[in-house]
Amino acid sequence: MIAEVSGGEYIDGNETQEVLDFVSDKLKSMDKKEFEAKKFVSYKDQFQAFLLAGFLLLLIEIFLFETKTKWVQDLNLFNEK
């Protein structure tokens, strides 16, 4: 019923040789252009070095420069005098 509605064909899977012959005939009758190779490329993430460098620079800035920089003082985030 589903095969008729969808325009497909039904083959009873209990008859193994009949199924193999059917699939073989269908593959031989198909247009060879349908089988095209597609290439998928897997790229490696390479952002870790930049992330590490940024994190190290941030740590250096926090620990070495205990005083606020001029632009941070101008922000006055906490309504300080």
N, C-alpha and C. Protein backbone atom coordinates (compact mmCIF):
# COMPACT_ATOMS: atom_id res chain seq x y z
N MET A 1 0.82 -1.18 0.00
CA MET A 1 0.00 0.00 0.00
C MET A 1 0.88 1.26 0.00
N ILE A 2 1.86 1.33 0.89
CA ILE A 2 2.73 2.51 0.95
C ILE A 2 3.55 2.63 -0.33
N ALA A 3 4.01 1.50 -0.85
CA ALA A 3 4.81 1.53 -2.08
C ALA A 3 3.98 2.06 -3.24
N GLU A 4 2.72 1.71 -3.30
CA GLU A 4 1.85 2.19 -4.39
C GLU A 4 1.62 3.69 -4.28
N VAL A 5 1.38 4.17 -3.06
CA VAL A 5 1.09 5.59 -2.85
C VAL A 5 2.32 6.44 -3.15
N SER A 6 3.49 5.96 -2.76
CA SER A 6 4.71 6.75 -2.93
C SER A 6 5.38 6.54 -4.27
N GLY A 7 4.85 5.64 -5.08
CA GLY A 7 5.44 5.39 -6.39
C GLY A 7 6.63 4.45 -6.33
N GLY A 8 6.76 3.72 -5.25
CA GLY A 8 7.87 2.79 -5.10
C GLY A 8 7.47 1.38 -5.46
N GLU A 9 8.32 0.44 -5.14
CA GLU A 9 8.04 -0.96 -5.40
C GLU A 9 8.27 -1.77 -4.13
N TYR A 10 7.45 -2.79 -3.92
CA TYR A 10 7.56 -3.63 -2.74
C TYR A 10 8.17 -4.97 -3.13
N ILE A 11 9.16 -5.39 -2.38
CA ILE A 11 9.79 -6.69 -2.58
C ILE A 11 9.75 -7.42 -1.25
N ASP A 12 9.29 -8.67 -1.27
CA ASP A 12 9.24 -9.48 -0.06
C ASP A 12 10.66 -9.86 0.34
N GLY A 13 11.04 -9.49 1.55
CA GLY A 13 12.40 -9.72 2.02
C GLY A 13 12.72 -11.16 2.35
N ASN A 14 11.71 -12.05 2.37
CA ASN A 14 11.95 -13.46 2.66
C ASN A 14 12.58 -14.19 1.50
N GLU A 15 12.42 -13.69 0.30
CA GLU A 15 13.01 -14.31 -0.89
C GLU A 15 14.33 -13.59 -1.21
N THR A 16 15.40 -14.06 -0.63
CA THR A 16 16.68 -13.38 -0.70
C THR A 16 17.19 -13.23 -2.12
N GLN A 17 17.13 -14.28 -2.89
CA GLN A 17 17.66 -14.22 -4.26
C GLN A 17 16.84 -13.25 -5.11
N GLU A 18 15.54 -13.24 -4.91
CA GLU A 18 14.67 -12.32 -5.66
C GLU A 18 15.02 -10.86 -5.31
N VAL A 19 15.28 -10.60 -4.05
CA VAL A 19 15.65 -9.24 -3.63
C VAL A 19 16.98 -8.85 -4.24
N LEU A 20 17.96 -9.74 -4.20
CA LEU A 20 19.28 -9.44 -4.76
C LEU A 20 19.19 -9.18 -6.26
N ASP A 21 18.41 -9.97 -6.95
CA ASP A 21 18.25 -9.77 -8.39
C ASP A 21 17.57 -8.42 -8.67
N PHE A 22 16.54 -8.09 -7.89
CA PHE A 22 15.83 -6.84 -8.08
C PHE A 22 16.75 -5.64 -7.86
N VAL A 23 17.50 -5.67 -6.78
CA VAL A 23 18.41 -4.56 -6.48
C VAL A 23 19.50 -4.46 -7.53
N SER A 24 20.03 -5.58 -7.95
CA SER A 24 21.07 -5.59 -8.98
C SER A 24 20.54 -5.00 -10.29
N ASP A 25 19.34 -5.40 -10.69
CA ASP A 25 18.74 -4.86 -11.92
C ASP A 25 18.50 -3.36 -11.81
N LYS A 26 18.03 -2.90 -10.67
CA LYS A 26 17.77 -1.47 -10.48
C LYS A 26 19.06 -0.67 -10.54
N LEU A 27 20.13 -1.18 -9.92
CA LEU A 27 21.41 -0.48 -9.94
C LEU A 27 21.99 -0.42 -11.35
N LYS A 28 21.82 -1.48 -12.11
CA LYS A 28 22.33 -1.49 -13.48
C LYS A 28 21.56 -0.53 -14.37
N SER A 29 20.27 -0.38 -14.10
CA SER A 29 19.45 0.48 -14.95
C SER A 29 19.54 1.96 -14.57
N MET A 30 20.14 2.27 -13.44
CA MET A 30 20.24 3.67 -13.01
C MET A 30 21.26 4.42 -13.84
N ASP A 31 21.03 5.70 -13.95
CA ASP A 31 21.96 6.57 -14.66
C ASP A 31 23.24 6.71 -13.83
N LYS A 32 24.37 6.54 -14.45
CA LYS A 32 25.64 6.55 -13.73
C LYS A 32 25.99 7.94 -13.20
N LYS A 33 25.34 8.99 -13.70
CA LYS A 33 25.62 10.34 -13.24
C LYS A 33 25.10 10.58 -11.83
N GLU A 34 24.22 9.72 -11.37
CA GLU A 34 23.67 9.90 -10.03
C GLU A 34 24.69 9.61 -8.94
N PHE A 35 25.72 8.86 -9.30
CA PHE A 35 26.74 8.51 -8.32
C PHE A 35 27.94 9.43 -8.49
N GLU A 36 27.89 10.56 -7.82
CA GLU A 36 29.00 11.50 -7.88
C GLU A 36 29.72 11.49 -6.54
N ALA A 37 30.99 11.65 -6.59
CA ALA A 37 31.79 11.66 -5.36
C ALA A 37 31.76 13.05 -4.75
N LYS A 38 31.58 13.10 -3.47
CA LYS A 38 31.64 14.36 -2.75
C LYS A 38 32.76 14.26 -1.74
N LYS A 39 33.51 15.33 -1.64
CA LYS A 39 34.66 15.33 -0.75
C LYS A 39 34.34 16.21 0.46
N PHE A 40 34.52 15.65 1.63
CA PHE A 40 34.33 16.39 2.86
C PHE A 40 35.67 16.56 3.53
N VAL A 41 35.94 17.77 3.96
CA VAL A 41 37.23 18.08 4.57
C VAL A 41 37.00 18.36 6.04
N SER A 42 37.83 17.77 6.85
CA SER A 42 37.76 18.00 8.29
C SER A 42 38.89 18.95 8.68
N TYR A 43 38.51 20.09 9.23
CA TYR A 43 39.50 21.08 9.64
C TYR A 43 39.76 20.97 11.13
N LYS A 44 40.99 21.19 11.50
CA LYS A 44 41.35 21.18 12.92
C LYS A 44 41.21 22.60 13.47
N ASP A 45 40.71 22.71 14.69
CA ASP A 45 40.62 24.00 15.34
C ASP A 45 42.02 24.48 15.69
N GLN A 46 42.31 25.74 15.37
CA GLN A 46 43.65 26.26 15.62
C GLN A 46 43.59 27.57 16.40
N PHE A 47 42.56 27.75 17.21
CA PHE A 47 42.42 28.99 17.97
C PHE A 47 43.04 28.89 19.36
N GLN A 48 43.47 27.72 19.77
CA GLN A 48 43.96 27.52 21.13
C GLN A 48 45.18 28.39 21.43
N ALA A 49 46.07 28.57 20.49
CA ALA A 49 47.27 29.38 20.73
C ALA A 49 46.89 30.83 21.00
N PHE A 50 45.95 31.37 20.25
CA PHE A 50 45.52 32.75 20.46
C PHE A 50 44.77 32.90 21.78
N LEU A 51 43.99 31.89 22.13
CA LEU A 51 43.27 31.91 23.40
C LEU A 51 44.25 31.90 24.57
N LEU A 52 45.26 31.07 24.49
CA LEU A 52 46.28 30.99 25.54
C LEU A 52 47.06 32.30 25.65
N ALA A 53 47.43 32.87 24.51
CA ALA A 53 48.18 34.14 24.53
C ALA A 53 47.33 35.25 25.14
N GLY A 54 46.06 35.31 24.78
CA GLY A 54 45.18 36.33 25.35
C GLY A 54 45.00 36.16 26.84
N PHE A 55 44.86 34.91 27.28
CA PHE A 55 44.69 34.64 28.71
C PHE A 55 45.95 35.02 29.48
N LEU A 56 47.12 34.70 28.94
CA LEU A 56 48.38 35.06 29.60
C LEU A 56 48.55 36.57 29.68
N LEU A 57 48.23 37.27 28.61
CA LEU A 57 48.32 38.73 28.64
C LEU A 57 47.36 39.33 29.66
N LEU A 58 46.19 38.75 29.78
CA LEU A 58 45.21 39.21 30.76
C LEU A 58 45.73 39.00 32.18
N LEU A 59 46.31 37.85 32.44
CA LEU A 59 46.89 37.59 33.76
C LEU A 59 48.05 38.53 34.08
N ILE A 60 48.89 38.77 33.09
CA ILE A 60 50.01 39.69 33.29
C ILE A 60 49.48 41.09 33.62
N GLU A 61 48.47 41.52 32.91
CA GLU A 61 47.89 42.84 33.13
C GLU A 61 47.29 42.94 34.53
N ILE A 62 46.64 41.90 34.98
CA ILE A 62 45.99 41.93 36.29
C ILE A 62 47.03 41.96 37.42
N PHE A 63 48.05 41.13 37.33
CA PHE A 63 49.00 41.01 38.43
C PHE A 63 50.12 42.06 38.41
N LEU A 64 50.54 42.51 37.26
CA LEU A 64 51.64 43.47 37.20
C LEU A 64 51.17 44.90 37.39
N PHE A 65 50.05 45.24 36.85
CA PHE A 65 49.57 46.60 36.91
C PHE A 65 48.46 46.70 37.95
N GLU A 66 48.85 46.98 39.17
CA GLU A 66 47.87 47.05 40.26
C GLU A 66 47.10 48.36 40.22
N THR A 67 47.67 49.39 39.63
CA THR A 67 46.95 50.65 39.56
C THR A 67 46.02 50.65 38.36
N LYS A 68 44.98 51.45 38.43
CA LYS A 68 44.03 51.53 37.33
C LYS A 68 44.62 52.37 36.20
N THR A 69 44.33 51.99 35.02
CA THR A 69 44.78 52.77 33.88
C THR A 69 43.88 53.99 33.73
N LYS A 70 44.31 54.95 32.94
CA LYS A 70 43.60 56.22 32.79
C LYS A 70 42.17 56.02 32.27
N TRP A 71 41.99 55.17 31.27
CA TRP A 71 40.65 55.01 30.70
C TRP A 71 39.72 54.29 31.66
N VAL A 72 40.25 53.41 32.53
CA VAL A 72 39.41 52.74 33.52
C VAL A 72 38.98 53.74 34.59
N GLN A 73 39.87 54.65 34.96
CA GLN A 73 39.51 55.68 35.94
C GLN A 73 38.43 56.60 35.39
N ASP A 74 38.48 56.90 34.11
CA ASP A 74 37.48 57.77 33.49
C ASP A 74 36.10 57.12 33.41
N LEU A 75 36.04 55.80 33.43
CA LEU A 75 34.74 55.12 33.35
C LEU A 75 33.89 55.37 34.59
N ASN A 76 34.50 55.38 35.76
CA ASN A 76 33.82 55.62 37.03
C ASN A 76 32.61 54.69 37.16
N LEU A 77 32.85 53.41 37.09
CA LEU A 77 31.79 52.41 37.10
C LEU A 77 31.04 52.33 38.42
N PHE A 78 31.71 52.59 39.52
CA PHE A 78 31.10 52.41 40.83
C PHE A 78 30.81 53.74 41.53
N ASN A 79 30.69 54.80 40.75
CA ASN A 79 30.41 56.15 41.27
C ASN A 79 31.38 56.56 42.36
N GLU A 80 32.63 56.29 42.12
CA GLU A 80 33.67 56.67 43.06
C GLU A 80 34.02 58.14 42.88
N LYS A 81 34.60 58.72 43.88
CA LYS A 81 34.96 60.13 43.86
C LYS A 81 35.96 60.48 42.82
